[in-house]
C-alpha cells in the first residue's frame, strides 16, 4: 500500500546547510613612502578575501589613512565571516626621510667657466681665413652654467631642505683678480660653502714663457682657500677642464694653452694636499669626452660640459656633506628602578 504524506505534516525534512570554506584573506603589497616634513598619512590598497560565509568583514590595523612613524611598521588585516571564522595576513608600511646635507648655502666663484660662457651661443658668426669664427660678445648663459645645474641636482636630491647656490663667476678674470675681488664678493655670514674653479686665464702667460705663472696662480688659489676658511666656509676646489687645440671658432681662444692644463692641475692638487679643502676633479671627468664636453673654441664647456661639472661637484658634496642616516631601533621599555624609602 502506498502511504501519502499528510498535508498537515509540521516537520518537513530540510536539506542540510551548505557550509562554505573558511575565509582566506590576501594583503596588499608592501608600501614605501617618503616623508618630507610632518609624519604622513599613508593610504594603502585594500585587502581582499575569498571563500567564507558571507558577509565577510575585513579590518586592517592601523587603518589605511593613518599616520605612520618614520621606519617600518606592520599592518595586520583580519577577515571574519558570519560564522566567526577568521584569517589574517600582514604587510609593511615603510616611511623614509630624504637624505640631508649639513650645509646648504653655496657660493660658486670663478671665471667664465663658472659664470657660464657658452661659445656656441655667441652672436655674429663671420668667415675669416676660411674658418668660421665667433665674434664677441659671447653669450653668458647662467641658466646652463654649472651652478644652475648643481642647484637643480641638490634641490631634487635633498628635497626636504632649502638649497642656495649663487653664481658669482665673472668672465675673463685671472686668479689674481679673483683674489683681489673676493673680499667684496664673498661677504661674511652669507654662505657656508665655497666652490672655487679658476686658473684658465693664467695659462696664456705660462704658454708665453712666464716661468712663475703657474706657481703664482696656484698660490692665489691657496690664498682664496685661506680667506674662505677664515670666513668659516667649507671649501671645494675644482681642477680645470682640458683644452682642445686647433678648434674652429675665434682663433684667439682656440685651446692654444692646452699643454699648460695638466701642469697647472698637478700643481693645484699638490697644493690642496696641505689645505683643508675638497678636491673636485673636473679634469678627469672630461678626459676622453672632449668632443662633446668642450665647445668650438677648444676652451669653454658646452652645455653638456657644464652639466658634467655640476655632476662632479655634486658627487663631492654628497660624499663630504651628506648627513649619515641613523639606523632606526626599537627602544626597550624603561626598567623599574626602586626609589629608596627615607625612614624617620
Foldseek 3Di string as FASTA:
>chain_A
DDDDDDPPDPDDDDDDDDAKDAKDKDDFAEAEEEDLDPFFQAADDDIDIDIAAPPKDKDKPPHRRHGDDAAKDKIKMWIAHPVRGIDMDIHIYHYHYAWDFPFAEEEEEEALLLQAFAQVQADDWDADPNFTAGDDDTDRDNCLRLQVLLLVVVCVRNVSDDHHYDRHYHHPDALVRSLVCVPVSDDAPRGAAYEYEYHPNLLVVVVVPDPCSLVVSLVSVVVVLVVCVVSNHAYEYEQFAAFDADFGYDQVQQRPSRVVRVVSRVVNVVVCVPPRHHYQYLHVLCPPPCVQQPDRSRHHGHSVVSSSSSVSVNVRSCVPTIDDDDDDDDDDPDDDDDDDDDDD
